[in-house]
Structures are given as C-alpha cells and as structure tokens.
Protein backbone atom coordinates (compact mmCIF):
# COMPACT_ATOMS: atom_id res chain seq x y z
CA MET A 1 17.88 -9.81 -7.27
CA SER A 2 15.25 -9.78 -9.86
CA LEU A 3 13.07 -6.62 -10.53
CA LYS A 4 9.85 -8.14 -9.32
CA LEU A 5 11.71 -9.22 -5.85
CA ARG A 6 13.26 -5.59 -5.53
CA LEU A 7 9.70 -3.97 -6.13
CA TYR A 8 8.04 -6.43 -3.80
CA ARG A 9 10.61 -5.83 -0.93
CA GLN A 10 10.19 -1.75 -1.49
CA CYS A 11 6.44 -2.22 -0.77
CA GLN A 12 7.19 -4.38 2.37
CA ASN A 13 9.67 -1.97 3.56
CA MET A 14 7.33 0.85 3.01
CA LEU A 15 4.52 -0.97 4.94
CA LYS A 16 7.00 -1.66 7.80
CA GLU A 17 7.95 2.03 8.08
CA ARG A 18 4.16 2.75 8.17
CA LEU A 19 3.73 0.04 11.03
CA VAL A 20 6.33 1.46 13.06
CA VAL A 21 4.71 5.02 12.78
CA VAL A 22 1.17 3.66 13.70
CA ARG A 23 2.56 1.51 16.60
CA LYS A 24 4.41 4.64 18.10
CA THR A 25 1.14 6.61 17.88
CA ILE A 26 -0.70 3.92 19.55
CA SER A 27 1.84 3.98 22.33
CA ASP A 28 1.75 7.63 22.52
CA ILE A 29 -1.98 7.63 22.77
CA GLN A 30 -1.94 5.13 25.41
CA THR A 31 0.50 6.85 27.60
CA ALA A 32 -1.69 10.23 27.28
CA LEU A 33 -4.81 8.25 28.17
CA GLU A 34 -2.85 7.23 31.08
CA SER A 35 -1.76 10.46 32.13
CA GLU A 36 -5.00 12.11 31.59
CA THR A 37 -6.63 9.63 34.05
CA LYS A 38 -3.98 10.78 36.87
CA SER A 39 -4.14 14.61 36.12
CA SER A 40 -7.47 15.90 35.25
CA ALA A 41 -11.01 16.00 36.59
CA GLY A 42 -14.41 17.03 35.37
CA ASP A 43 -15.58 17.99 31.80
CA LYS A 44 -12.10 18.83 30.51
CA HIS A 45 -11.00 15.55 31.55
CA GLU A 46 -13.81 13.62 29.71
CA THR A 47 -13.35 15.71 26.53
CA GLY A 48 -9.61 14.96 26.58
CA ARG A 49 -10.23 11.33 27.05
CA ALA A 50 -12.89 11.11 24.38
CA MET A 51 -10.47 12.87 21.85
CA LEU A 52 -7.76 10.36 22.75
CA GLN A 53 -10.07 7.52 22.35
CA ILE A 54 -11.20 8.82 18.92
CA GLU A 55 -7.58 9.12 17.99
CA ARG A 56 -6.88 5.56 19.23
CA GLU A 57 -9.46 4.16 17.26
CA LYS A 58 -8.10 5.88 13.94
CA ALA A 59 -4.73 4.39 14.72
CA GLY A 60 -6.31 0.91 15.13
CA GLN A 61 -8.01 1.09 11.90
CA GLN A 62 -4.71 2.12 10.33
CA LEU A 63 -2.98 -0.86 11.94
CA ALA A 64 -5.74 -3.13 10.47
CA GLU A 65 -5.28 -1.48 6.96
CA ILE A 66 -1.59 -2.06 7.14
CA GLN A 67 -2.26 -5.81 8.18
CA LYS A 68 -4.61 -6.17 5.05
CA GLN A 69 -1.92 -4.73 3.11
CA PHE A 70 0.73 -7.34 4.31
CA ASP A 71 -1.96 -9.89 3.65
CA ILE A 72 -2.03 -8.95 0.06
CA LEU A 73 1.58 -8.93 -0.48
CA ASN A 74 1.83 -12.22 1.10
CA LYS A 75 -0.10 -13.63 -1.59
CA ILE A 76 2.40 -12.56 -4.35
CA ASN A 77 5.18 -14.85 -5.37
CA PRO A 78 7.82 -12.52 -6.30
CA LYS A 79 9.55 -15.50 -8.52
CA ALA A 80 6.52 -16.36 -10.43
CA GLU A 81 6.53 -15.63 -14.14
CA GLN A 82 3.09 -14.65 -15.88
CA SER A 83 2.14 -14.48 -19.29
CA THR A 84 -1.02 -12.56 -18.46
CA ILE A 85 -1.51 -9.52 -15.96
CA ALA A 86 -2.51 -10.60 -12.50
CA LEU A 87 -1.71 -9.59 -8.66
CA GLY A 88 2.32 -9.61 -8.28
CA SER A 89 2.75 -8.57 -12.32
CA VAL A 90 5.26 -6.08 -13.21
CA VAL A 91 3.73 -4.38 -16.17
CA TYR A 92 5.51 -2.24 -18.68
CA THR A 93 3.46 0.12 -21.08
CA SER A 94 3.85 2.52 -23.69
CA LYS A 95 3.17 5.22 -21.16
CA SER A 96 3.96 4.06 -17.55
CA ASN A 97 5.15 1.04 -15.73
CA TYR A 98 3.09 -0.58 -12.79
CA PHE A 99 3.77 -3.20 -9.90
CA LEU A 100 0.30 -4.59 -9.09
CA GLY A 101 0.05 -5.44 -5.53
CA ILE A 102 -0.68 -2.62 -2.98
CA SER A 103 -0.86 1.36 -3.44
CA ALA A 104 2.50 2.54 -2.43
CA GLY A 105 2.96 5.15 -4.87
CA GLU A 106 5.99 5.82 -6.95
CA ILE A 107 8.97 3.44 -6.85
CA ARG A 108 12.33 3.49 -8.62
CA ALA A 109 14.13 0.64 -9.58
CA GLY A 110 17.39 1.41 -11.41
CA GLU A 111 16.50 3.80 -14.26
CA ASP A 112 12.86 2.85 -14.41
CA THR A 113 10.01 4.39 -12.43
CA PHE A 114 7.14 2.11 -11.31
CA TYR A 115 3.63 2.75 -9.84
CA ALA A 116 2.64 0.52 -7.19
CA VAL A 117 -1.04 -0.05 -7.45
CA SER A 118 -3.66 -2.05 -5.80
CA MET A 119 -5.87 -4.38 -7.69
CA ALA A 120 -8.87 -2.08 -6.91
CA THR A 121 -7.42 0.88 -8.87
CA PRO A 122 -9.06 1.62 -12.27
CA ILE A 123 -5.67 1.02 -14.11
CA ALA A 124 -5.28 -2.40 -12.50
CA GLN A 125 -9.01 -3.45 -13.38
CA LEU A 126 -8.11 -2.40 -16.96
CA LEU A 127 -4.77 -4.38 -17.17
CA LEU A 128 -6.02 -7.48 -15.43
CA SER A 129 -5.86 -10.75 -17.51
CA LYS A 130 -4.40 -8.70 -20.45
CA SER A 131 -1.00 -9.91 -22.02
CA GLU A 132 1.69 -8.40 -24.09
CA GLY A 133 0.90 -6.39 -27.01
CA GLY A 134 -2.83 -6.05 -25.53
CA THR A 135 -4.11 -2.41 -25.34
CA VAL A 136 -6.26 -0.58 -22.71
CA ARG A 137 -7.79 2.98 -22.75
CA PHE A 138 -6.99 5.00 -19.56
CA ARG A 139 -7.75 8.69 -19.10
CA ASP A 140 -8.27 9.13 -22.64
CA GLU A 141 -4.95 7.62 -23.74
CA GLU A 142 -4.35 4.37 -25.27
CA LEU A 143 -1.71 2.27 -23.57
CA THR A 144 -0.01 -0.81 -25.18
CA ILE A 145 1.34 -3.44 -22.89
CA THR A 146 4.93 -3.85 -23.97
CA LYS A 147 6.20 -6.31 -21.19
CA ILE A 148 4.96 -8.50 -18.39
CA LEU A 149 7.34 -10.15 -15.54
C-alpha cells in the first residue's frame, strides 16, 4: 500500500471514530430528552430540556463538520501523483512532513511522522502550488520542499 493511501486511510479512520462518538452522543441526548419529558415538571424540567437541546445542536454541528471533512477526503485521489502541491499531496520539507487534506494532527507512517493539515491552515496555504526544491518561510524558518507525492 502506498504511503499516500496509508495516510489517507488513517484520516478516514480518525473521522469514522469521531463519527461513532458523535452519533452515540446524539443518541444519548435523545434518550435523555425522552426521559426528561416523562419524569420532570416545572422550571427544572424546562431548564433541563433547554440544556439538552443545546447539547443536541452542538452535536449536530459536529456531525455536519465531520461530513464536510469526509467530503474533502472524497475529493482526494490517493493514487494520483502530483508535481506541484495541491489537495492530497504528501509533502516532505527540510523541517516537517505534511499530508494536505484534513486537520487530523500527527500521523505516523513507518518511521516518518506527518502532520495532516487542512487546506485552510497557514502552512498549507504557503505550500500550495509549490514544487520540489521550492522554499517557504513559516514561523521565522525557511522550509525547503524536498519531495512531493
């Protein structure tokens, strides 16, 4: 399996794990809302329901964000090779290595560490459209692009 495909799948798996957690949270909130209806009355009841509704809205927003992240990943062809940096690129620099797709933090692949970053991050914006041998200045350091997959 190619390195790009391994990084891509790790990002997918991270999103799937987050999806399971958010769906469980929504289910738990729904159960709590139903039991709140049966057991309480008065101001306490209304406050409890309002808090649960807010939690459900937050979870719904998280669910929507995860879906957006999946949509971004689905635009990546992990088999494509690129000579300039774009969405889906694996980028080696003189300082750090990056996978441009979604923000998923640090990912290990064999001996190497990569930072999965979204295209909206400052480093991704600097790297975009550059090619091997190019340089960018990030956090007062000059990074040389040594390899693009």
